[in-house]
Amino acid sequence: MAQYRKKPIDIDAHQWHQNGDHPEDGPADREGSVVRYYRHPYVPGTAVCPGCQKTVHEHGWIDSGDDGRTVCPNDWVITTAQGEHYPLKPDVFAAIFEAVTG
């Protein structure tokens, strides 16, 4: 089997804890343009997230692709070279990325 290595690319990333944490979002008392308030027509805000065990009311939402992505508190929000935003779990982020120095 052939093996491949991921090409090194630089990305912008910001760890998200609550509304307003992403630098493109503005103040925390308003809905952000990158990480929006979490809304789901069939999931009440008091439901518990199976991934992080926090209520979904504490989560954010990123419109990406056709479906969108849930952002749990402590997830990293990465910005690709194409300007798209995606959440990554902290352990996945640490396994893939390292800080750029110099």
N, C-alpha and C. Protein backbone atom coordinates (compact mmCIF):
# COMPACT_ATOMS: atom_id res chain seq x y z
N MET A 1 0.85 -1.17 0.00
CA MET A 1 0.00 0.00 0.00
C MET A 1 0.90 1.24 0.00
N ALA A 2 0.57 2.21 -0.82
CA ALA A 2 1.32 3.46 -0.88
C ALA A 2 0.97 4.33 0.33
N GLN A 3 1.95 5.06 0.82
CA GLN A 3 1.72 5.96 1.94
C GLN A 3 1.88 7.40 1.49
N TYR A 4 1.14 8.28 2.14
CA TYR A 4 1.18 9.70 1.79
C TYR A 4 1.30 10.52 3.07
N ARG A 5 1.94 11.66 2.96
CA ARG A 5 2.09 12.59 4.08
C ARG A 5 1.32 13.85 3.76
N LYS A 6 0.63 14.38 4.73
CA LYS A 6 -0.11 15.62 4.55
C LYS A 6 0.87 16.76 4.32
N LYS A 7 0.62 17.56 3.29
CA LYS A 7 1.48 18.69 3.00
C LYS A 7 1.40 19.71 4.13
N PRO A 8 2.52 20.30 4.49
CA PRO A 8 2.46 21.32 5.55
C PRO A 8 1.81 22.60 5.03
N ILE A 9 0.80 23.04 5.75
CA ILE A 9 0.14 24.30 5.43
C ILE A 9 -0.02 25.09 6.71
N ASP A 10 -0.03 26.39 6.59
CA ASP A 10 -0.27 27.26 7.73
C ASP A 10 -1.74 27.64 7.74
N ILE A 11 -2.35 27.61 8.90
CA ILE A 11 -3.76 27.99 9.05
C ILE A 11 -3.88 28.99 10.19
N ASP A 12 -4.98 29.69 10.24
CA ASP A 12 -5.34 30.49 11.40
C ASP A 12 -6.25 29.62 12.25
N ALA A 13 -6.05 29.66 13.56
CA ALA A 13 -6.88 28.87 14.47
C ALA A 13 -7.08 29.64 15.76
N HIS A 14 -8.28 29.49 16.31
CA HIS A 14 -8.63 30.14 17.57
C HIS A 14 -9.45 29.16 18.38
N GLN A 15 -9.09 29.02 19.66
CA GLN A 15 -9.86 28.12 20.50
C GLN A 15 -11.14 28.84 20.95
N TRP A 16 -12.25 28.14 20.84
CA TRP A 16 -13.56 28.71 21.13
C TRP A 16 -14.08 28.15 22.44
N HIS A 17 -14.52 29.04 23.31
CA HIS A 17 -15.11 28.63 24.59
C HIS A 17 -16.56 29.10 24.71
N GLN A 18 -16.83 30.27 24.12
CA GLN A 18 -18.17 30.84 24.23
C GLN A 18 -18.35 31.89 23.14
N ASN A 19 -19.57 32.35 22.99
CA ASN A 19 -19.88 33.34 21.97
C ASN A 19 -18.97 34.55 22.10
N GLY A 20 -18.44 35.02 20.97
CA GLY A 20 -17.57 36.18 20.96
C GLY A 20 -16.10 35.86 20.99
N ASP A 21 -15.73 34.58 21.14
CA ASP A 21 -14.31 34.21 21.23
C ASP A 21 -13.57 34.30 19.90
N HIS A 22 -14.25 34.09 18.79
CA HIS A 22 -13.57 34.16 17.49
C HIS A 22 -13.36 35.63 17.14
N PRO A 23 -12.16 36.01 16.70
CA PRO A 23 -11.87 37.43 16.46
C PRO A 23 -12.73 38.08 15.37
N GLU A 24 -13.35 37.30 14.49
CA GLU A 24 -14.21 37.86 13.46
C GLU A 24 -15.66 37.98 13.92
N ASP A 25 -15.95 37.61 15.16
CA ASP A 25 -17.33 37.57 15.63
C ASP A 25 -17.83 38.83 16.32
N GLY A 26 -16.98 39.64 16.84
CA GLY A 26 -17.46 40.83 17.53
C GLY A 26 -17.79 40.53 18.98
N PRO A 27 -18.56 41.41 19.63
CA PRO A 27 -18.83 41.26 21.06
C PRO A 27 -19.66 40.02 21.39
N ALA A 28 -19.48 39.52 22.60
CA ALA A 28 -20.12 38.28 23.05
C ALA A 28 -21.63 38.41 23.22
N ASP A 29 -22.14 39.64 23.32
CA ASP A 29 -23.58 39.80 23.53
C ASP A 29 -24.37 39.80 22.21
N ARG A 30 -23.69 39.53 21.10
CA ARG A 30 -24.36 39.44 19.79
C ARG A 30 -23.96 38.15 19.10
N GLU A 31 -24.81 37.71 18.20
CA GLU A 31 -24.49 36.51 17.45
C GLU A 31 -23.31 36.78 16.53
N GLY A 32 -22.37 35.84 16.49
CA GLY A 32 -21.20 36.00 15.66
C GLY A 32 -21.47 35.71 14.19
N SER A 33 -20.55 36.13 13.34
CA SER A 33 -20.70 35.85 11.92
C SER A 33 -19.99 34.56 11.54
N VAL A 34 -19.02 34.10 12.34
CA VAL A 34 -18.32 32.84 12.08
C VAL A 34 -18.95 31.74 12.93
N VAL A 35 -18.91 31.90 14.25
CA VAL A 35 -19.54 30.94 15.15
C VAL A 35 -20.85 31.56 15.63
N ARG A 36 -21.94 31.03 15.11
CA ARG A 36 -23.26 31.54 15.43
C ARG A 36 -23.83 30.82 16.64
N TYR A 37 -24.97 31.31 17.13
CA TYR A 37 -25.67 30.60 18.20
C TYR A 37 -26.09 29.23 17.69
N TYR A 38 -26.06 28.25 18.58
CA TYR A 38 -26.49 26.90 18.20
C TYR A 38 -28.01 26.87 18.13
N ARG A 39 -28.52 26.42 17.00
CA ARG A 39 -29.97 26.26 16.84
C ARG A 39 -30.23 24.95 16.12
N HIS A 40 -31.19 24.23 16.61
CA HIS A 40 -31.59 23.00 15.93
C HIS A 40 -33.09 22.84 16.15
N PRO A 41 -33.85 22.62 15.08
CA PRO A 41 -35.31 22.58 15.25
C PRO A 41 -35.82 21.41 16.08
N TYR A 42 -35.02 20.36 16.23
CA TYR A 42 -35.49 19.17 16.95
C TYR A 42 -34.72 18.91 18.25
N VAL A 43 -33.77 19.77 18.58
CA VAL A 43 -32.96 19.56 19.79
C VAL A 43 -33.14 20.77 20.70
N PRO A 44 -33.73 20.58 21.89
CA PRO A 44 -33.89 21.72 22.81
C PRO A 44 -32.54 22.15 23.39
N GLY A 45 -32.44 23.40 23.77
CA GLY A 45 -31.19 23.93 24.31
C GLY A 45 -30.74 23.28 25.60
N THR A 46 -31.65 22.58 26.27
CA THR A 46 -31.29 21.91 27.53
C THR A 46 -30.75 20.50 27.30
N ALA A 47 -30.77 20.01 26.06
CA ALA A 47 -30.24 18.68 25.75
C ALA A 47 -28.74 18.65 26.02
N VAL A 48 -28.22 17.49 26.36
CA VAL A 48 -26.80 17.34 26.66
C VAL A 48 -26.07 16.77 25.44
N CYS A 49 -24.97 17.39 25.09
CA CYS A 49 -24.14 16.96 23.97
C CYS A 49 -23.45 15.64 24.34
N PRO A 50 -23.57 14.60 23.51
CA PRO A 50 -22.90 13.34 23.83
C PRO A 50 -21.38 13.42 23.76
N GLY A 51 -20.86 14.42 23.04
CA GLY A 51 -19.40 14.54 22.90
C GLY A 51 -18.71 15.19 24.09
N CYS A 52 -19.30 16.27 24.62
CA CYS A 52 -18.61 17.02 25.69
C CYS A 52 -19.41 17.07 26.99
N GLN A 53 -20.62 16.55 26.99
CA GLN A 53 -21.48 16.50 28.18
C GLN A 53 -21.95 17.87 28.66
N LYS A 54 -21.89 18.90 27.83
CA LYS A 54 -22.43 20.21 28.18
C LYS A 54 -23.76 20.40 27.45
N THR A 55 -24.61 21.28 27.97
CA THR A 55 -25.88 21.51 27.29
C THR A 55 -25.61 22.15 25.93
N VAL A 56 -26.47 21.84 24.97
CA VAL A 56 -26.26 22.39 23.63
C VAL A 56 -26.43 23.90 23.60
N HIS A 57 -27.08 24.47 24.61
CA HIS A 57 -27.19 25.92 24.72
C HIS A 57 -25.81 26.58 24.81
N GLU A 58 -24.81 25.86 25.30
CA GLU A 58 -23.46 26.39 25.45
C GLU A 58 -22.62 26.24 24.18
N HIS A 59 -23.20 25.69 23.13
CA HIS A 59 -22.48 25.40 21.90
C HIS A 59 -22.66 26.50 20.86
N GLY A 60 -21.82 26.42 19.83
CA GLY A 60 -21.92 27.31 18.69
C GLY A 60 -22.21 26.51 17.43
N TRP A 61 -22.37 27.23 16.34
CA TRP A 61 -22.69 26.61 15.06
C TRP A 61 -21.93 27.33 13.96
N ILE A 62 -21.31 26.58 13.07
CA ILE A 62 -20.63 27.15 11.91
C ILE A 62 -21.36 26.68 10.66
N ASP A 63 -21.77 27.63 9.82
CA ASP A 63 -22.34 27.28 8.53
C ASP A 63 -21.19 26.89 7.61
N SER A 64 -21.10 25.61 7.30
CA SER A 64 -20.03 25.15 6.41
C SER A 64 -20.59 24.07 5.50
N GLY A 65 -20.29 24.20 4.24
CA GLY A 65 -20.79 23.21 3.29
C GLY A 65 -22.31 23.21 3.24
N ASP A 66 -22.87 22.05 3.00
CA ASP A 66 -24.32 21.92 2.90
C ASP A 66 -25.01 21.75 4.24
N ASP A 67 -24.27 21.30 5.26
CA ASP A 67 -24.93 20.95 6.50
C ASP A 67 -24.59 21.89 7.65
N GLY A 68 -23.37 22.20 7.89
CA GLY A 68 -22.96 23.00 9.03
C GLY A 68 -22.34 22.13 10.10
N ARG A 69 -21.71 22.75 11.08
CA ARG A 69 -20.98 22.01 12.11
C ARG A 69 -21.28 22.59 13.49
N THR A 70 -21.41 21.70 14.47
CA THR A 70 -21.56 22.10 15.86
C THR A 70 -20.18 22.40 16.44
N VAL A 71 -20.07 23.45 17.22
CA VAL A 71 -18.82 23.81 17.90
C VAL A 71 -19.03 23.63 19.40
N CYS A 72 -18.30 22.68 19.99
CA CYS A 72 -18.36 22.47 21.43
C CYS A 72 -17.41 23.46 22.11
N PRO A 73 -17.70 23.84 23.35
CA PRO A 73 -16.74 24.64 24.09
C PRO A 73 -15.38 23.93 24.12
N ASN A 74 -14.32 24.66 23.91
CA ASN A 74 -12.91 24.22 23.87
C ASN A 74 -12.48 23.72 22.49
N ASP A 75 -13.39 23.58 21.53
CA ASP A 75 -12.99 23.21 20.17
C ASP A 75 -12.14 24.33 19.57
N TRP A 76 -11.30 23.97 18.63
CA TRP A 76 -10.55 24.93 17.85
C TRP A 76 -11.32 25.23 16.59
N VAL A 77 -11.37 26.48 16.18
CA VAL A 77 -11.99 26.87 14.92
C VAL A 77 -10.86 27.24 13.98
N ILE A 78 -10.71 26.47 12.91
CA ILE A 78 -9.64 26.73 11.96
C ILE A 78 -10.20 27.45 10.75
N THR A 79 -9.37 28.27 10.14
CA THR A 79 -9.72 28.97 8.92
C THR A 79 -8.79 28.47 7.83
N THR A 80 -9.34 27.89 6.78
CA THR A 80 -8.52 27.35 5.70
C THR A 80 -8.03 28.47 4.79
N ALA A 81 -7.13 28.12 3.89
CA ALA A 81 -6.61 29.10 2.93
C ALA A 81 -7.73 29.64 2.04
N GLN A 82 -8.79 28.88 1.88
CA GLN A 82 -9.94 29.31 1.08
C GLN A 82 -10.93 30.15 1.88
N GLY A 83 -10.63 30.39 3.17
CA GLY A 83 -11.50 31.20 4.02
C GLY A 83 -12.65 30.46 4.66
N GLU A 84 -12.65 29.13 4.57
CA GLU A 84 -13.70 28.34 5.19
C GLU A 84 -13.35 28.08 6.65
N HIS A 85 -14.36 27.95 7.50
CA HIS A 85 -14.17 27.75 8.94
C HIS A 85 -14.67 26.36 9.32
N TYR A 86 -13.89 25.66 10.14
CA TYR A 86 -14.26 24.32 10.61
C TYR A 86 -13.85 24.15 12.07
N PRO A 87 -14.67 23.46 12.88
CA PRO A 87 -14.25 23.14 14.24
C PRO A 87 -13.45 21.84 14.28
N LEU A 88 -12.49 21.78 15.19
CA LEU A 88 -11.72 20.55 15.45
C LEU A 88 -11.65 20.34 16.95
N LYS A 89 -11.79 19.08 17.36
CA LYS A 89 -11.63 18.74 18.77
C LYS A 89 -10.17 19.00 19.18
N PRO A 90 -9.95 19.39 20.45
CA PRO A 90 -8.59 19.71 20.89
C PRO A 90 -7.56 18.60 20.67
N ASP A 91 -7.96 17.33 20.89
CA ASP A 91 -6.99 16.24 20.70
C ASP A 91 -6.64 16.05 19.23
N VAL A 92 -7.60 16.22 18.33
CA VAL A 92 -7.33 16.11 16.90
C VAL A 92 -6.46 17.28 16.45
N PHE A 93 -6.78 18.48 16.93
CA PHE A 93 -5.99 19.66 16.59
C PHE A 93 -4.54 19.47 17.00
N ALA A 94 -4.32 18.99 18.23
CA ALA A 94 -2.95 18.79 18.74
C ALA A 94 -2.19 17.73 17.94
N ALA A 95 -2.90 16.71 17.44
CA ALA A 95 -2.25 15.66 16.67
C ALA A 95 -1.86 16.12 15.27
N ILE A 96 -2.58 17.10 14.72
CA ILE A 96 -2.36 17.52 13.34
C ILE A 96 -1.49 18.78 13.23
N PHE A 97 -1.69 19.73 14.15
CA PHE A 97 -1.07 21.03 14.01
C PHE A 97 -0.07 21.33 15.12
N GLU A 98 0.91 22.16 14.80
CA GLU A 98 1.84 22.69 15.79
C GLU A 98 1.97 24.17 15.52
N ALA A 99 2.36 24.93 16.54
CA ALA A 99 2.48 26.37 16.41
C ALA A 99 3.59 26.73 15.43
N VAL A 100 3.35 27.76 14.64
CA VAL A 100 4.36 28.26 13.71
C VAL A 100 5.20 29.28 14.45
N THR A 101 6.50 29.07 14.44
CA THR A 101 7.39 30.01 15.13
C THR A 101 8.28 30.70 14.11
N GLY A 102 8.71 31.90 14.49
CA GLY A 102 9.64 32.64 13.64
C GLY A 102 8.95 33.23 12.49
